[in-house]
Amino acid sequence: MSTSPTPPTRHWDTPAPGHDPTRHWGTSPTPPGPKRKRRGPILLAAAIGLALLVATATGVVANDATLDKGPAPTPTTTPSPGPADPPDDGPGGGSEVPEPAPEPEPAPAPEPEPATVEVPELSGITRAGAKQLLADYGLKATIRYRSTDQYPAGTVISQSPKAGALVVPEITVSLVVAKTPPPPAPAPEPPSPPSPPAPSCAPSYPGVCLDPAVEDYDCAGGSGNGPAYVEGPIRVRPPDPFDLDREGDGVGCENG
């Protein structure tokens, strides 16, 4: 692209060609009075000079705007700081670069505490009612029985944990439930007295049992004095130790 030549500028104190510096109003303290007729040409020359200056400035600005300035400069980037180079200990040597320490792991967030429920009062209610009430509170029940006549059968006697304790859901509450005691065992019967042993019988008198240990037997209604008596008649076999068959016919106490 061609550019128009910039006209040479003239220094402010250099007179223009054909201009008499002695006649310029700025070179003498007071311009001469008789020379006022020439103000018109001076103003005209000043206007022309000002127009030239404006045209020159305009051309320079236009040339600077249309001038191809070439590619835009590439911005320089500053390298990010990296690990420091290990010091050079000379040929064949060098210190090892320590490995960076591992970053500490963040502490785990604390787990939220589980919600708790209050154990209800269960003493005095039925076993079925206690189990249903615990289920409504999200609790479980384990039951054992105790024989007692102080509480109605099937009612809760005690519980663990106690009523009002704060526990987590799904915990098991131990219940003790009353049950009817078994009937008392019957009193044992007193032992019967031992029966006396059966007396042995003298074999000489079949049909009756005469104790051979007795001192003597006599016929009832007779004249004998006993101490024991027997009603007759009775059969008698020899040897007849009590002498009841005096006739020897095998029949004793025929008369009594």
Protein backbone atom coordinates (compact mmCIF):
# COMPACT_ATOMS: atom_id res chain seq x y z
CA MET A 1 0.00 0.00 0.00
CA SER A 2 1.40 3.43 -1.01
CA THR A 3 1.36 6.24 1.50
CA SER A 4 1.42 9.95 0.80
CA PRO A 5 4.69 11.66 1.78
CA THR A 6 4.58 13.65 4.93
CA PRO A 7 5.39 17.29 4.19
CA PRO A 8 8.33 18.60 6.09
CA THR A 9 7.46 20.65 9.04
CA ARG A 10 8.99 24.00 9.69
CA HIS A 11 10.30 25.00 13.07
CA TRP A 12 8.37 27.75 14.68
CA ASP A 13 11.29 30.18 14.73
CA THR A 14 12.37 29.60 11.08
CA PRO A 15 10.90 32.24 8.68
CA ALA A 16 8.87 31.09 5.75
CA PRO A 17 10.30 31.66 2.28
CA GLY A 18 9.75 35.22 1.15
CA HIS A 19 8.76 36.30 4.66
CA ASP A 20 10.58 39.15 6.32
CA PRO A 21 11.00 38.39 9.96
CA THR A 22 11.29 42.03 10.79
CA ARG A 23 7.79 42.54 9.51
CA HIS A 24 6.12 39.70 11.55
CA TRP A 25 4.21 40.90 14.49
CA GLY A 26 5.73 38.35 16.82
CA THR A 27 9.41 39.35 16.15
CA SER A 28 9.17 42.92 17.42
CA PRO A 29 7.69 44.03 20.75
CA THR A 30 5.18 46.30 19.08
CA PRO A 31 4.06 45.91 15.46
CA PRO A 32 4.57 49.13 13.50
CA GLY A 33 1.50 51.17 13.09
CA PRO A 34 1.80 51.95 9.37
CA LYS A 35 2.04 48.24 8.44
CA ARG A 36 -1.56 47.22 9.47
CA LYS A 37 -2.63 47.05 5.86
CA ARG A 38 -0.83 43.67 5.52
CA ARG A 39 -2.85 41.74 8.20
CA GLY A 40 -4.92 40.06 5.53
CA PRO A 41 -2.02 38.29 3.78
CA ILE A 42 -0.56 37.22 7.13
CA LEU A 43 -3.80 35.68 8.29
CA LEU A 44 -4.18 33.97 4.95
CA ALA A 45 -0.70 32.48 5.25
CA ALA A 46 -1.43 31.34 8.82
CA ALA A 47 -4.69 29.69 7.71
CA ILE A 48 -2.91 27.94 4.87
CA GLY A 49 -0.22 26.69 7.25
CA LEU A 50 -2.85 25.46 9.71
CA ALA A 51 -4.72 23.70 6.88
CA LEU A 52 -1.50 21.99 5.84
CA LEU A 53 -0.85 20.86 9.41
CA VAL A 54 -4.40 19.45 9.72
CA ALA A 55 -4.09 17.68 6.35
CA THR A 56 -0.70 16.26 7.34
CA ALA A 57 -2.01 15.00 10.68
CA THR A 58 -5.06 13.47 9.00
CA GLY A 59 -2.89 11.66 6.45
CA VAL A 60 -0.58 10.30 9.14
CA VAL A 61 -3.55 8.96 11.13
CA ALA A 62 -5.08 7.39 7.99
CA ASN A 63 -1.79 5.82 6.99
CA ASP A 64 -1.29 4.44 10.48
CA ALA A 65 -4.81 2.93 10.47
CA THR A 66 -4.43 1.28 7.05
CA LEU A 67 -0.85 0.13 7.50
CA ASP A 68 -0.49 -3.68 7.71
CA LYS A 69 1.07 -4.18 11.08
CA GLY A 70 1.73 -7.93 10.55
CA PRO A 71 0.54 -10.84 12.70
CA ALA A 72 -0.47 -10.13 16.25
CA PRO A 73 2.23 -10.94 18.76
CA THR A 74 1.85 -14.31 20.41
CA PRO A 75 1.26 -13.91 24.16
CA THR A 76 3.99 -15.44 26.20
CA THR A 77 2.95 -17.95 28.85
CA THR A 78 4.71 -18.29 32.12
CA PRO A 79 5.42 -21.93 32.93
CA SER A 80 3.75 -23.15 36.09
CA PRO A 81 6.11 -23.84 38.91
CA GLY A 82 7.04 -27.52 39.13
CA PRO A 83 9.05 -29.51 41.59
CA ALA A 84 12.43 -28.05 42.22
CA ASP A 85 15.28 -29.65 40.31
CA PRO A 86 17.55 -31.71 42.50
CA PRO A 87 20.88 -30.08 43.19
CA ASP A 88 23.69 -31.09 40.88
CA ASP A 89 26.34 -32.80 42.96
CA GLY A 90 28.73 -33.11 40.04
CA PRO A 91 29.28 -35.83 37.54
CA GLY A 92 28.21 -39.29 38.57
CA GLY A 93 26.36 -38.08 41.66
CA GLY A 94 23.10 -36.58 42.73
CA SER A 95 20.80 -36.74 45.71
CA GLU A 96 17.50 -38.58 45.45
CA VAL A 97 14.36 -36.52 45.33
CA PRO A 98 12.15 -37.48 48.31
CA GLU A 99 8.69 -38.69 47.42
CA PRO A 100 5.92 -36.32 48.41
CA ALA A 101 4.09 -37.28 51.59
CA PRO A 102 0.65 -38.78 50.96
CA GLU A 103 -2.22 -36.48 51.63
CA PRO A 104 -4.13 -37.38 54.81
CA GLU A 105 -7.48 -39.00 54.20
CA PRO A 106 -10.42 -36.94 55.36
CA ALA A 107 -12.00 -38.15 58.57
CA PRO A 108 -15.29 -39.97 57.98
CA ALA A 109 -18.38 -38.05 58.88
CA PRO A 110 -19.89 -39.22 62.19
CA GLU A 111 -22.94 -41.42 61.79
CA PRO A 112 -26.17 -39.94 63.11
CA GLU A 113 -27.33 -41.39 66.40
CA PRO A 114 -30.36 -43.72 66.04
CA ALA A 115 -33.69 -42.52 67.32
CA THR A 116 -34.80 -43.88 70.68
CA VAL A 117 -38.21 -44.86 72.06
CA GLU A 118 -39.50 -44.94 75.64
CA VAL A 119 -40.40 -48.34 77.05
CA PRO A 120 -44.10 -48.31 78.08
CA GLU A 121 -45.51 -49.51 81.41
CA LEU A 122 -46.63 -53.14 80.99
CA SER A 123 -47.21 -54.43 84.53
CA GLY A 124 -50.76 -55.55 85.22
CA ILE A 125 -51.89 -55.92 81.59
CA THR A 126 -52.42 -59.20 79.79
CA ARG A 127 -49.70 -61.02 77.92
CA ALA A 128 -51.39 -60.41 74.53
CA GLY A 129 -51.92 -56.72 75.30
CA ALA A 130 -48.28 -56.27 76.31
CA LYS A 131 -47.01 -57.87 73.12
CA GLN A 132 -49.26 -55.67 70.96
CA LEU A 133 -48.21 -52.51 72.83
CA LEU A 134 -44.54 -53.32 72.37
CA ALA A 135 -45.11 -53.95 68.66
CA ASP A 136 -46.73 -50.50 68.39
CA TYR A 137 -43.52 -49.00 69.84
CA GLY A 138 -41.34 -51.01 67.43
CA LEU A 139 -40.09 -53.33 70.20
CA LYS A 140 -40.04 -57.11 70.61
CA ALA A 141 -41.04 -59.31 73.56
CA THR A 142 -39.74 -62.44 75.21
CA ILE A 143 -41.93 -64.14 77.83
CA ARG A 144 -41.31 -66.46 80.75
CA TYR A 145 -43.87 -67.64 83.28
CA ARG A 146 -43.92 -67.75 87.06
CA SER A 147 -46.38 -69.72 89.20
CA THR A 148 -48.10 -67.41 91.67
CA ASP A 149 -51.53 -66.91 93.24
CA GLN A 150 -50.90 -63.19 94.00
CA TYR A 151 -51.63 -62.03 90.44
CA PRO A 152 -54.27 -63.08 87.91
CA ALA A 153 -53.03 -65.75 85.55
CA GLY A 154 -51.85 -64.37 82.19
CA THR A 155 -50.95 -60.85 83.42
CA VAL A 156 -47.51 -59.22 83.37
CA ILE A 157 -45.75 -59.27 86.77
CA SER A 158 -42.51 -57.48 85.84
CA GLN A 159 -40.52 -56.24 82.85
CA SER A 160 -36.93 -55.50 81.84
CA PRO A 161 -35.97 -52.78 80.82
CA LYS A 162 -38.16 -50.84 83.24
CA ALA A 163 -40.90 -48.51 82.09
CA GLY A 164 -39.59 -45.11 80.94
CA ALA A 165 -36.17 -46.38 79.79
CA LEU A 166 -34.96 -44.98 76.43
CA VAL A 167 -33.99 -47.77 74.03
CA VAL A 168 -33.42 -48.14 70.29
CA PRO A 169 -36.12 -49.79 68.19
CA GLU A 170 -36.10 -53.57 67.67
CA ILE A 171 -34.75 -54.19 71.20
CA THR A 172 -36.28 -57.11 73.12
CA VAL A 173 -38.18 -56.49 76.36
CA SER A 174 -38.28 -59.41 78.81
CA LEU A 175 -41.71 -60.02 80.41
CA VAL A 176 -42.59 -62.21 83.42
CA VAL A 177 -46.20 -63.44 83.23
CA ALA A 178 -48.16 -65.02 86.08
CA LYS A 179 -49.61 -68.50 85.75
CA THR A 180 -51.88 -70.55 88.01
CA PRO A 181 -49.91 -72.70 90.44
CA PRO A 182 -50.54 -76.44 90.27
CA PRO A 183 -52.97 -77.95 92.82
CA PRO A 184 -51.39 -79.17 96.03
CA ALA A 185 -50.50 -82.83 96.14
CA PRO A 186 -52.82 -84.97 98.29
CA ALA A 187 -51.59 -85.85 101.77
CA PRO A 188 -50.25 -89.37 101.98
CA GLU A 189 -52.49 -91.89 103.77
CA PRO A 190 -51.16 -93.13 107.08
CA PRO A 191 -49.89 -96.67 106.87
CA SER A 192 -52.32 -99.33 108.13
CA PRO A 193 -51.18 -101.24 111.18
CA PRO A 194 -49.71 -104.60 110.38
CA SER A 195 -52.20 -107.45 110.63
CA PRO A 196 -51.28 -110.09 113.15
CA PRO A 197 -49.91 -113.18 111.63
CA ALA A 198 -52.39 -115.99 111.13
CA PRO A 199 -52.16 -118.45 113.98
CA SER A 200 -50.99 -121.90 113.23
CA CYS A 201 -53.58 -124.62 113.77
CA ALA A 202 -53.16 -127.88 115.55
CA PRO A 203 -53.46 -130.59 112.88
CA SER A 204 -55.37 -132.97 115.26
CA TYR A 205 -58.54 -130.90 114.96
CA PRO A 206 -59.56 -130.40 111.31
CA GLY A 207 -62.45 -128.05 110.79
CA VAL A 208 -61.41 -125.71 113.59
CA CYS A 209 -58.18 -123.85 114.23
CA LEU A 210 -56.87 -124.47 117.67
CA ASP A 211 -53.68 -122.63 118.44
CA PRO A 212 -51.07 -125.09 119.59
CA ALA A 213 -49.43 -122.32 121.59
CA VAL A 214 -52.43 -122.12 123.93
CA GLU A 215 -51.89 -123.95 127.18
CA ASP A 216 -55.18 -125.89 127.08
CA TYR A 217 -58.56 -126.06 125.36
CA ASP A 218 -61.73 -127.35 127.05
CA CYS A 219 -65.17 -128.03 125.66
CA ALA A 220 -67.52 -125.13 126.12
CA GLY A 221 -70.17 -125.84 128.74
CA GLY A 222 -68.07 -128.54 130.40
CA SER A 223 -66.32 -128.61 133.71
CA GLY A 224 -62.88 -127.70 132.35
CA ASN A 225 -61.17 -124.50 133.43
CA GLY A 226 -59.65 -123.50 130.08
CA PRO A 227 -58.08 -121.08 129.58
CA ALA A 228 -59.50 -121.53 126.04
CA TYR A 229 -62.72 -123.20 125.02
CA VAL A 230 -64.08 -124.72 121.83
CA GLU A 231 -67.66 -125.39 120.73
CA GLY A 232 -68.35 -128.98 119.69
CA PRO A 233 -68.82 -131.35 118.33
CA ILE A 234 -65.50 -131.34 116.45
CA ARG A 235 -63.54 -133.95 114.61
CA VAL A 236 -60.50 -135.23 116.48
CA ARG A 237 -57.46 -137.06 115.20
CA PRO A 238 -54.87 -138.66 117.31
CA PRO A 239 -52.82 -137.78 119.17
CA ASP A 240 -55.52 -135.30 120.59
CA PRO A 241 -53.10 -133.07 122.58
CA PHE A 242 -55.96 -131.18 124.33
CA ASP A 243 -57.81 -134.44 125.33
CA LEU A 244 -61.09 -133.43 123.77
CA ASP A 245 -62.11 -136.98 122.58
CA ARG A 246 -62.17 -138.96 125.75
CA GLU A 247 -64.23 -141.79 124.25
CA GLY A 248 -61.75 -142.18 121.40
CA ASP A 249 -64.48 -142.31 118.72
CA GLY A 250 -62.99 -139.45 116.71
CA VAL A 251 -65.53 -136.85 117.85
CA GLY A 252 -64.79 -134.38 120.61
CA CYS A 253 -66.98 -132.12 122.73
CA GLU A 254 -70.08 -134.02 121.76
CA ASN A 255 -72.08 -132.52 124.62
CA GLY A 256 -70.99 -128.97 124.35
